[in-house]
PDB file of all heavy atoms in Angstrom:
ATOM      1  N   GLY A   1       0.815  -1.219   0.000  1.00  0.00           N
ATOM      2  CA  GLY A   1       0.000   0.000   0.000  1.00  0.00           C
ATOM      3  C   GLY A   1       0.844   1.262   0.000  1.00  0.00           C
ATOM      4  O   GLY A   1       0.619   2.184  -0.790  1.00  0.00           O
ATOM      5  N   LEU A   2       1.835   1.312   0.894  1.00  0.00           N
ATOM      6  CA  LEU A   2       2.720   2.473   0.987  1.00  0.00           C
ATOM      7  C   LEU A   2       3.491   2.683  -0.317  1.00  0.00           C
ATOM      8  O   LEU A   2       3.577   3.799  -0.841  1.00  0.00           O
ATOM      9  CB  LEU A   2       3.686   2.287   2.157  1.00  0.00           C
ATOM     10  CG  LEU A   2       4.800   3.323   2.314  1.00  0.00           C
ATOM     11  CD1 LEU A   2       4.217   4.712   2.522  1.00  0.00           C
ATOM     12  CD2 LEU A   2       5.722   2.959   3.469  1.00  0.00           C
ATOM     13  N   LEU A   3       4.034   1.591  -0.853  1.00  0.00           N
ATOM     14  CA  LEU A   3       4.798   1.700  -2.099  1.00  0.00           C
ATOM     15  C   LEU A   3       3.907   2.147  -3.257  1.00  0.00           C
ATOM     16  O   LEU A   3       4.310   2.974  -4.076  1.00  0.00           O
ATOM     17  CB  LEU A   3       5.452   0.355  -2.431  1.00  0.00           C
ATOM     18  CG  LEU A   3       6.722  -0.001  -1.646  1.00  0.00           C
ATOM     19  CD1 LEU A   3       7.163  -1.410  -1.967  1.00  0.00           C
ATOM     20  CD2 LEU A   3       7.842   0.992  -1.960  1.00  0.00           C
ATOM     21  N   GLN A   4       2.704   1.602  -3.330  1.00  0.00           N
ATOM     22  CA  GLN A   4       1.797   1.966  -4.437  1.00  0.00           C
ATOM     23  C   GLN A   4       1.494   3.456  -4.437  1.00  0.00           C
ATOM     24  O   GLN A   4       1.594   4.132  -5.468  1.00  0.00           O
ATOM     25  CB  GLN A   4       0.492   1.158  -4.333  1.00  0.00           C
ATOM     26  CG  GLN A   4      -0.474   1.394  -5.476  1.00  0.00           C
ATOM     27  CD  GLN A   4      -1.472   2.523  -5.221  1.00  0.00           C
ATOM     28  OE1 GLN A   4      -1.881   2.740  -4.087  1.00  0.00           O
ATOM     29  NE2 GLN A   4      -1.852   3.236  -6.270  1.00  0.00           N
ATOM     30  N   VAL A   5       1.115   4.000  -3.283  1.00  0.00           N
ATOM     31  CA  VAL A   5       0.765   5.423  -3.206  1.00  0.00           C
ATOM     32  C   VAL A   5       2.003   6.292  -3.454  1.00  0.00           C
ATOM     33  O   VAL A   5       1.965   7.234  -4.268  1.00  0.00           O
ATOM     34  CB  VAL A   5       0.135   5.746  -1.832  1.00  0.00           C
ATOM     35  CG1 VAL A   5      -0.046   7.255  -1.668  1.00  0.00           C
ATOM     36  CG2 VAL A   5      -1.214   5.049  -1.691  1.00  0.00           C
ATOM     37  N   ALA A   6       3.099   5.981  -2.794  1.00  0.00           N
ATOM     38  CA  ALA A   6       4.318   6.809  -2.907  1.00  0.00           C
ATOM     39  C   ALA A   6       4.887   6.790  -4.322  1.00  0.00           C
ATOM     40  O   ALA A   6       5.194   7.846  -4.901  1.00  0.00           O
ATOM     41  CB  ALA A   6       5.364   6.334  -1.904  1.00  0.00           C
ATOM     42  N   VAL A   7       5.028   5.607  -4.896  1.00  0.00           N
ATOM     43  CA  VAL A   7       5.625   5.501  -6.235  1.00  0.00           C
ATOM     44  C   VAL A   7       4.702   6.086  -7.292  1.00  0.00           C
ATOM     45  O   VAL A   7       5.158   6.750  -8.231  1.00  0.00           O
ATOM     46  CB  VAL A   7       5.979   4.026  -6.555  1.00  0.00           C
ATOM     47  CG1 VAL A   7       6.512   3.902  -7.982  1.00  0.00           C
ATOM     48  CG2 VAL A   7       7.005   3.496  -5.565  1.00  0.00           C
ATOM     49  N   THR A   8       3.394   5.869  -7.154  1.00  0.00           N
ATOM     50  CA  THR A   8       2.438   6.450  -8.110  1.00  0.00           C
ATOM     51  C   THR A   8       2.544   7.969  -8.117  1.00  0.00           C
ATOM     52  O   THR A   8       2.623   8.597  -9.189  1.00  0.00           O
ATOM     53  CB  THR A   8       0.991   6.031  -7.770  1.00  0.00           C
ATOM     54  OG1 THR A   8       0.893   4.616  -7.811  1.00  0.00           O
ATOM     55  CG2 THR A   8      -0.005   6.621  -8.771  1.00  0.00           C
ATOM     56  N   ILE A   9       2.532   8.569  -6.925  1.00  0.00           N
ATOM     57  CA  ILE A   9       2.617  10.030  -6.830  1.00  0.00           C
ATOM     58  C   ILE A   9       3.939  10.534  -7.399  1.00  0.00           C
ATOM     59  O   ILE A   9       3.969  11.506  -8.177  1.00  0.00           O
ATOM     60  CB  ILE A   9       2.431  10.480  -5.361  1.00  0.00           C
ATOM     61  CG1 ILE A   9       0.989  10.203  -4.905  1.00  0.00           C
ATOM     62  CG2 ILE A   9       2.756  11.962  -5.204  1.00  0.00           C
ATOM     63  CD1 ILE A   9       0.737  10.493  -3.438  1.00  0.00           C
ATOM     64  N   LEU A  10       5.036   9.871  -7.047  1.00  0.00           N
ATOM     65  CA  LEU A  10       6.364  10.312  -7.500  1.00  0.00           C
ATOM     66  C   LEU A  10       6.497  10.217  -9.020  1.00  0.00           C
ATOM     67  O   LEU A  10       6.850  11.199  -9.690  1.00  0.00           O
ATOM     68  CB  LEU A  10       7.445   9.468  -6.818  1.00  0.00           C
ATOM     69  CG  LEU A  10       8.892   9.761  -7.237  1.00  0.00           C
ATOM     70  CD1 LEU A  10       9.280  11.180  -6.845  1.00  0.00           C
ATOM     71  CD2 LEU A  10       9.847   8.750  -6.615  1.00  0.00           C
ATOM     72  N   VAL A  11       6.210   9.045  -9.581  1.00  0.00           N
ATOM     73  CA  VAL A  11       6.370   8.837 -11.028  1.00  0.00           C
ATOM     74  C   VAL A  11       5.403   9.712 -11.817  1.00  0.00           C
ATOM     75  O   VAL A  11       5.791  10.346 -12.814  1.00  0.00           O
ATOM     76  CB  VAL A  11       6.177   7.346 -11.380  1.00  0.00           C
ATOM     77  CG1 VAL A  11       6.196   7.146 -12.892  1.00  0.00           C
ATOM     78  CG2 VAL A  11       7.254   6.499 -10.719  1.00  0.00           C
ATOM     79  N   ALA A  12       4.140   9.761 -11.372  1.00  0.00           N
ATOM     80  CA  ALA A  12       3.145  10.548 -12.101  1.00  0.00           C
ATOM     81  C   ALA A  12       3.483  12.039 -12.054  1.00  0.00           C
ATOM     82  O   ALA A  12       3.297  12.756 -13.049  1.00  0.00           O
ATOM     83  CB  ALA A  12       1.757  10.304 -11.518  1.00  0.00           C
ATOM     84  N   THR A  13       3.984  12.516 -10.919  1.00  0.00           N
ATOM     85  CA  THR A  13       4.356  13.937 -10.811  1.00  0.00           C
ATOM     86  C   THR A  13       5.508  14.274 -11.758  1.00  0.00           C
ATOM     87  O   THR A  13       5.449  15.266 -12.506  1.00  0.00           O
ATOM     88  CB  THR A  13       4.758  14.279  -9.361  1.00  0.00           C
ATOM     89  OG1 THR A  13       3.669  13.988  -8.487  1.00  0.00           O
ATOM     90  CG2 THR A  13       5.108  15.749  -9.224  1.00  0.00           C
ATOM     91  N   LEU A  14       6.548  13.447 -11.741  1.00  0.00           N
ATOM     92  CA  LEU A  14       7.700  13.688 -12.617  1.00  0.00           C
ATOM     93  C   LEU A  14       7.301  13.605 -14.092  1.00  0.00           C
ATOM     94  O   LEU A  14       7.736  14.430 -14.915  1.00  0.00           O
ATOM     95  CB  LEU A  14       8.807  12.676 -12.312  1.00  0.00           C
ATOM     96  CG  LEU A  14       9.471  12.804 -10.927  1.00  0.00           C
ATOM     97  CD1 LEU A  14      10.450  11.664 -10.698  1.00  0.00           C
ATOM     98  CD2 LEU A  14      10.168  14.151 -10.790  1.00  0.00           C
ATOM     99  N   ALA A  15       6.460  12.624 -14.426  1.00  0.00           N
ATOM    100  CA  ALA A  15       6.023  12.469 -15.822  1.00  0.00           C
ATOM    101  C   ALA A  15       5.190  13.667 -16.265  1.00  0.00           C
ATOM    102  O   ALA A  15       5.347  14.172 -17.389  1.00  0.00           O
ATOM    103  CB  ALA A  15       5.224  11.179 -15.975  1.00  0.00           C
ATOM    104  N   THR A  16       4.299  14.129 -15.393  1.00  0.00           N
ATOM    105  CA  THR A  16       3.441  15.272 -15.738  1.00  0.00           C
ATOM    106  C   THR A  16       4.264  16.540 -15.907  1.00  0.00           C
ATOM    107  O   THR A  16       4.015  17.340 -16.826  1.00  0.00           O
ATOM    108  CB  THR A  16       2.359  15.476 -14.653  1.00  0.00           C
ATOM    109  OG1 THR A  16       1.668  14.252 -14.448  1.00  0.00           O
ATOM    110  CG2 THR A  16       1.363  16.538 -15.076  1.00  0.00           C
ATOM    111  N   ILE A  17       5.242  16.749 -15.012  1.00  0.00           N
ATOM    112  CA  ILE A  17       6.113  17.929 -15.136  1.00  0.00           C
ATOM    113  C   ILE A  17       6.882  17.875 -16.455  1.00  0.00           C
ATOM    114  O   ILE A  17       7.009  18.884 -17.173  1.00  0.00           O
ATOM    115  CB  ILE A  17       7.084  18.009 -13.932  1.00  0.00           C
ATOM    116  CG1 ILE A  17       6.313  18.316 -12.645  1.00  0.00           C
ATOM    117  CG2 ILE A  17       8.147  19.075 -14.167  1.00  0.00           C
ATOM    118  CD1 ILE A  17       7.146  18.192 -11.384  1.00  0.00           C
ATOM    119  N   GLY A  18       7.385  16.685 -16.800  1.00  0.00           N
ATOM    120  CA  GLY A  18       8.117  16.521 -18.057  1.00  0.00           C
ATOM    121  C   GLY A  18       7.238  16.787 -19.270  1.00  0.00           C
ATOM    122  O   GLY A  18       7.655  17.480 -20.209  1.00  0.00           O
ATOM    123  N   LEU A  19       6.019  16.273 -19.261  1.00  0.00           N
ATOM    124  CA  LEU A  19       5.090  16.494 -20.376  1.00  0.00           C
ATOM    125  C   LEU A  19       4.680  17.963 -20.466  1.00  0.00           C
ATOM    126  O   LEU A  19       4.501  18.499 -21.561  1.00  0.00           O
ATOM    127  CB  LEU A  19       3.849  15.615 -20.206  1.00  0.00           C
ATOM    128  CG  LEU A  19       4.037  14.119 -20.512  1.00  0.00           C
ATOM    129  CD1 LEU A  19       2.802  13.331 -20.101  1.00  0.00           C
ATOM    130  CD2 LEU A  19       4.305  13.918 -22.006  1.00  0.00           C
ATOM    131  N   SER A  20       4.503  18.594 -19.301  1.00  0.00           N
ATOM    132  CA  SER A  20       4.138  20.020 -19.297  1.00  0.00           C
ATOM    133  C   SER A  20       5.236  20.866 -19.923  1.00  0.00           C
ATOM    134  O   SER A  20       4.966  21.838 -20.642  1.00  0.00           O
ATOM    135  CB  SER A  20       3.863  20.495 -17.869  1.00  0.00           C
ATOM    136  OG  SER A  20       2.737  19.853 -17.341  1.00  0.00           O
ATOM    137  N   ALA A  21       6.482  20.487 -19.647  1.00  0.00           N
ATOM    138  CA  ALA A  21       7.600  21.227 -20.238  1.00  0.00           C
ATOM    139  C   ALA A  21       7.687  20.985 -21.742  1.00  0.00           C
ATOM    140  O   ALA A  21       8.010  21.890 -22.515  1.00  0.00           O
ATOM    141  CB  ALA A  21       8.906  20.800 -19.567  1.00  0.00           C
ATOM    142  N   ALA A  22       7.363  19.741 -22.167  1.00  0.00           N
ATOM    143  CA  ALA A  22       7.440  19.404 -23.593  1.00  0.00           C
ATOM    144  C   ALA A  22       6.249  19.932 -24.373  1.00  0.00           C
ATOM    145  O   ALA A  22       6.370  20.297 -25.547  1.00  0.00           O
ATOM    146  CB  ALA A  22       7.541  17.889 -23.762  1.00  0.00           C
ATOM    147  N   LEU A  23       5.054  19.950 -23.716  1.00  0.00           N
ATOM    148  CA  LEU A  23       3.823  20.398 -24.395  1.00  0.00           C
ATOM    149  C   LEU A  23       3.154  21.500 -23.576  1.00  0.00           C
ATOM    150  O   LEU A  23       2.063  21.309 -23.019  1.00  0.00           O
ATOM    151  CB  LEU A  23       2.853  19.212 -24.556  1.00  0.00           C
ATOM    152  CG  LEU A  23       3.385  17.991 -25.330  1.00  0.00           C
ATOM    153  CD1 LEU A  23       2.443  16.816 -25.153  1.00  0.00           C
ATOM    154  CD2 LEU A  23       3.522  18.345 -26.810  1.00  0.00           C
ATOM    155  N   PRO A  24       3.762  22.666 -23.505  1.00  0.00           N
ATOM    156  CA  PRO A  24       3.212  23.733 -22.651  1.00  0.00           C
ATOM    157  C   PRO A  24       1.844  24.228 -23.124  1.00  0.00           C
ATOM    158  O   PRO A  24       1.026  24.658 -22.316  1.00  0.00           O
ATOM    159  CB  PRO A  24       4.270  24.840 -22.739  1.00  0.00           C
ATOM    160  CG  PRO A  24       5.032  24.552 -23.999  1.00  0.00           C
ATOM    161  CD  PRO A  24       5.014  23.077 -24.174  1.00  0.00           C
ATOM    162  N   GLU A  25       1.585  24.189 -24.444  1.00  0.00           N
ATOM    163  CA  GLU A  25       0.295  24.677 -24.951  1.00  0.00           C
ATOM    164  C   GLU A  25      -0.848  23.745 -24.539  1.00  0.00           C
ATOM    165  O   GLU A  25      -1.962  24.192 -24.251  1.00  0.00           O
ATOM    166  CB  GLU A  25       0.307  24.787 -26.489  1.00  0.00           C
ATOM    167  CG  GLU A  25       1.367  25.730 -27.047  1.00  0.00           C
ATOM    168  CD  GLU A  25       2.724  25.043 -27.193  1.00  0.00           C
ATOM    169  OE1 GLU A  25       2.791  23.800 -26.987  1.00  0.00           O
ATOM    170  OE2 GLU A  25       3.709  25.738 -27.479  1.00  0.00           O
ATOM    171  N   MET A  26      -0.569  22.416 -24.523  1.00  0.00           N
ATOM    172  CA  MET A  26      -1.633  21.453 -24.223  1.00  0.00           C
ATOM    173  C   MET A  26      -1.821  21.260 -22.722  1.00  0.00           C
ATOM    174  O   MET A  26      -2.949  21.238 -22.223  1.00  0.00           O
ATOM    175  CB  MET A  26      -1.322  20.102 -24.870  1.00  0.00           C
ATOM    176  CG  MET A  26      -2.417  19.058 -24.670  1.00  0.00           C
ATOM    177  SD  MET A  26      -2.029  17.480 -25.457  1.00  0.00           S
ATOM    178  CE  MET A  26      -2.099  17.960 -27.178  1.00  0.00           C
ATOM    179  N   LEU A  27      -0.722  21.115 -21.981  1.00  0.00           N
ATOM    180  CA  LEU A  27      -0.818  20.847 -20.546  1.00  0.00           C
ATOM    181  C   LEU A  27      -0.499  22.091 -19.736  1.00  0.00           C
ATOM    182  O   LEU A  27      -1.348  22.631 -19.044  1.00  0.00           O
ATOM    183  CB  LEU A  27       0.111  19.689 -20.169  1.00  0.00           C
ATOM    184  CG  LEU A  27      -0.223  18.335 -20.796  1.00  0.00           C
ATOM    185  CD1 LEU A  27       0.824  17.298 -20.424  1.00  0.00           C
ATOM    186  CD2 LEU A  27      -1.594  17.863 -20.358  1.00  0.00           C
ATOM    187  N   GLY A  28       0.731  22.531 -19.797  1.00  0.00           N
ATOM    188  CA  GLY A  28       1.139  23.774 -19.144  1.00  0.00           C
ATOM    189  C   GLY A  28       0.685  23.930 -17.713  1.00  0.00           C
ATOM    190  O   GLY A  28      -0.141  24.785 -17.414  1.00  0.00           O
ATOM    191  N   MET A  29       1.185  23.102 -16.802  1.00  0.00           N
ATOM    192  CA  MET A  29       0.786  23.225 -15.401  1.00  0.00           C
ATOM    193  C   MET A  29       2.025  23.259 -14.505  1.00  0.00           C
ATOM    194  O   MET A  29       3.095  22.771 -14.880  1.00  0.00           O
ATOM    195  CB  MET A  29      -0.142  22.076 -14.997  1.00  0.00           C
ATOM    196  CG  MET A  29       0.475  20.690 -15.047  1.00  0.00           C
ATOM    197  SD  MET A  29      -0.665  19.413 -14.459  1.00  0.00           S
ATOM    198  CE  MET A  29      -1.765  19.284 -15.851  1.00  0.00           C
ATOM    199  N   SER A  30       1.858  23.826 -13.333  1.00  0.00           N
ATOM    200  CA  SER A  30       2.949  23.934 -12.374  1.00  0.00           C
ATOM    201  C   SER A  30       3.203  22.580 -11.714  1.00  0.00           C
ATOM    202  O   SER A  30       2.383  21.656 -11.817  1.00  0.00           O
ATOM    203  CB  SER A  30       2.595  24.964 -11.303  1.00  0.00           C
ATOM    204  OG  SER A  30       1.454  24.511 -10.577  1.00  0.00           O
ATOM    205  N   TRP A  31       4.325  22.490 -10.989  1.00  0.00           N
ATOM    206  CA  TRP A  31       4.610  21.234 -10.298  1.00  0.00           C
ATOM    207  C   TRP A  31       3.611  20.988  -9.168  1.00  0.00           C
ATOM    208  O   TRP A  31       3.307  19.832  -8.827  1.00  0.00           O
ATOM    209  CB  TRP A  31       6.045  21.224  -9.774  1.00  0.00           C
ATOM    210  CG  TRP A  31       6.322  22.181  -8.631  1.00  0.00           C
ATOM    211  CD1 TRP A  31       6.803  23.443  -8.716  1.00  0.00           C
ATOM    212  CD2 TRP A  31       6.122  21.918  -7.239  1.00  0.00           C
ATOM    213  NE1 TRP A  31       6.920  24.002  -7.464  1.00  0.00           N
ATOM    214  CE2 TRP A  31       6.518  23.077  -6.543  1.00  0.00           C
ATOM    215  CE3 TRP A  31       5.660  20.824  -6.511  1.00  0.00           C
ATOM    216  CZ2 TRP A  31       6.448  23.178  -5.151  1.00  0.00           C
ATOM    217  CZ3 TRP A  31       5.595  20.911  -5.128  1.00  0.00           C
ATOM    218  CH2 TRP A  31       5.984  22.077  -4.462  1.00  0.00           C
ATOM    219  N   GLN A  32       3.065  22.090  -8.600  1.00  0.00           N
ATOM    220  CA  GLN A  32       2.049  21.925  -7.558  1.00  0.00           C
ATOM    221  C   GLN A  32       0.794  21.245  -8.119  1.00  0.00           C
ATOM    222  O   GLN A  32       0.214  20.343  -7.501  1.00  0.00           O
ATOM    223  CB  GLN A  32       1.663  23.281  -6.951  1.00  0.00           C
ATOM    224  CG  GLN A  32       2.779  23.940  -6.164  1.00  0.00           C
ATOM    225  CD  GLN A  32       3.547  24.951  -6.988  1.00  0.00           C
ATOM    226  OE1 GLN A  32       3.756  24.735  -8.187  1.00  0.00           O
ATOM    227  NE2 GLN A  32       3.977  26.042  -6.362  1.00  0.00           N
ATOM    228  N   ALA A  33       0.391  21.683  -9.328  1.00  0.00           N
ATOM    229  CA  ALA A  33      -0.782  21.077  -9.970  1.00  0.00           C
ATOM    230  C   ALA A  33      -0.502  19.621 -10.322  1.00  0.00           C
ATOM    231  O   ALA A  33      -1.367  18.744 -10.147  1.00  0.00           O
ATOM    232  CB  ALA A  33      -1.150  21.868 -11.228  1.00  0.00           C
ATOM    233  N   ALA A  34       0.713  19.352 -10.816  1.00  0.00           N
ATOM    234  CA  ALA A  34       1.084  17.973 -11.164  1.00  0.00           C
ATOM    235  C   ALA A  34       1.041  17.069  -9.937  1.00  0.00           C
ATOM    236  O   ALA A  34       0.560  15.928  -9.999  1.00  0.00           O
ATOM    237  CB  ALA A  34       2.482  17.963 -11.778  1.00  0.00           C
ATOM    238  N   LEU A  35       1.524  17.596  -8.804  1.00  0.00           N
ATOM    239  CA  LEU A  35       1.517  16.812  -7.565  1.00  0.00           C
ATOM    240  C   LEU A  35       0.088  16.548  -7.091  1.00  0.00           C
ATOM    241  O   LEU A  35      -0.253  15.432  -6.678  1.00  0.00           O
ATOM    242  CB  LEU A  35       2.309  17.550  -6.483  1.00  0.00           C
ATOM    243  CG  LEU A  35       2.386  16.883  -5.105  1.00  0.00           C
ATOM    244  CD1 LEU A  35       2.959  15.471  -5.213  1.00  0.00           C
ATOM    245  CD2 LEU A  35       3.233  17.725  -4.143  1.00  0.00           C
ATOM    246  N   ALA A  36      -0.769  17.574  -7.170  1.00  0.00           N
ATOM    247  CA  ALA A  36      -2.163  17.425  -6.735  1.00  0.00           C
ATOM    248  C   ALA A  36      -2.889  16.376  -7.588  1.00  0.00           C
ATOM    249  O   ALA A  36      -3.622  15.524  -7.063  1.00  0.00           O
ATOM    250  CB  ALA A  36      -2.885  18.770  -6.816  1.00  0.00           C
ATOM    251  N   LEU A  37      -2.691  16.425  -8.917  1.00  0.00           N
ATOM    252  CA  LEU A  37      -3.337  15.455  -9.804  1.00  0.00           C
ATOM    253  C   LEU A  37      -2.782  14.051  -9.588  1.00  0.00           C
ATOM    254  O   LEU A  37      -3.520  13.062  -9.688  1.00  0.00           O
ATOM    255  CB  LEU A  37      -3.154  15.873 -11.270  1.00  0.00           C
ATOM    256  CG  LEU A  37      -3.929  17.116 -11.711  1.00  0.00           C
ATOM    257  CD1 LEU A  37      -3.596  17.471 -13.149  1.00  0.00           C
ATOM    258  CD2 LEU A  37      -5.435  16.885 -11.565  1.00  0.00           C
ATOM    259  N   SER A  38      -1.502  13.961  -9.284  1.00  0.00           N
ATOM    260  CA  SER A  38      -0.893  12.649  -9.019  1.00  0.00           C
ATOM    261  C   SER A  38      -1.471  12.024  -7.750  1.00  0.00           C
ATOM    262  O   SER A  38      -1.642  10.803  -7.667  1.00  0.00           O
ATOM    263  CB  SER A  38       0.621  12.791  -8.882  1.00  0.00           C
ATOM    264  OG  SER A  38       1.185  13.290 -10.072  1.00  0.00           O
ATOM    265  N   CYS A  39      -1.763  12.874  -6.759  1.00  0.00           N
ATOM    266  CA  CYS A  39      -2.397  12.370  -5.531  1.00  0.00           C
ATOM    267  C   CYS A  39      -3.770  11.771  -5.844  1.00  0.00           C
ATOM    268  O   CYS A  39      -4.132  10.711  -5.324  1.00  0.00           O
ATOM    269  CB  CYS A  39      -2.551  13.495  -4.510  1.00  0.00           C
ATOM    270  SG  CYS A  39      -0.983  14.120  -3.869  1.00  0.00           S
ATOM    271  N   ALA A  40      -4.543  12.451  -6.706  1.00  0.00           N
ATOM    272  CA  ALA A  40      -5.856  11.932  -7.106  1.00  0.00           C
ATOM    273  C   ALA A  40      -5.704  10.632  -7.895  1.00  0.00           C
ATOM    274  O   ALA A  40      -6.495   9.695  -7.737  1.00  0.00           O
ATOM    275  CB  ALA A  40      -6.598  12.979  -7.935  1.00  0.00           C
ATOM    276  N   LEU A  41      -4.667  10.558  -8.743  1.00  0.00           N
ATOM    277  CA  LEU A  41      -4.425   9.362  -9.554  1.00  0.00           C
ATOM    278  C   LEU A  41      -4.102   8.144  -8.694  1.00  0.00           C
ATOM    279  O   LEU A  41      -4.438   7.013  -9.045  1.00  0.00           O
ATOM    280  CB  LEU A  41      -3.262   9.625 -10.526  1.00  0.00           C
ATOM    281  CG  LEU A  41      -2.770   8.440 -11.363  1.00  0.00           C
ATOM    282  CD1 LEU A  41      -3.845   7.994 -12.343  1.00  0.00           C
ATOM    283  CD2 LEU A  41      -1.487   8.791 -12.101  1.00  0.00           C
ATOM    284  N   ALA A  42      -3.469   8.343  -7.550  1.00  0.00           N
ATOM    285  CA  ALA A  42      -3.036   7.223  -6.699  1.00  0.00           C
ATOM    286  C   ALA A  42      -4.201   6.473  -6.071  1.00  0.00           C
ATOM    287  O   ALA A  42      -4.037   5.343  -5.602  1.00  0.00           O
ATOM    288  CB  ALA A  42      -2.108   7.746  -5.601  1.00  0.00           C
ATOM    289  N   MET A  43      -5.401   7.067  -6.055  1.00  0.00           N
ATOM    290  CA  MET A  43      -6.547   6.462  -5.392  1.00  0.00           C
ATOM    291  C   MET A  43      -7.255   5.430  -6.291  1.00  0.00           C
ATOM    292  O   MET A  43      -7.310   5.585  -7.506  1.00  0.00           O
ATOM    293  CB  MET A  43      -7.562   7.534  -4.985  1.00  0.00           C
ATOM    294  CG  MET A  43      -7.013   8.585  -4.023  1.00  0.00           C
ATOM    295  SD  MET A  43      -6.552   7.882  -2.424  1.00  0.00           S
ATOM    296  CE  MET A  43      -4.797   8.227  -2.390  1.00  0.00           C
ATOM    297  N   SER A  44      -7.798   4.392  -5.660  1.00  0.00           N
ATOM    298  CA  SER A  44      -8.641   3.404  -6.342  1.00  0.00           C
ATOM    299  C   SER A  44      -9.985   3.356  -5.623  1.00  0.00           C
ATOM    300  O   SER A  44     -10.125   3.883  -4.518  1.00  0.00           O
ATOM    301  CB  SER A  44      -7.983   2.025  -6.328  1.00  0.00           C
ATOM    302  OG  SER A  44      -6.715   2.074  -6.948  1.00  0.00           O
TER     303      SER A  44
END
């Protein structure tokens, strides 16, 4: 459980930040927004 939540948030946040930098017109979000969305993604 701990690994699933922690790794999901970490990987998803880094991936979202990377995509935002590569596609600023489509995504364009701050790291705070990426972290918040990653927290929502970790839930089942």
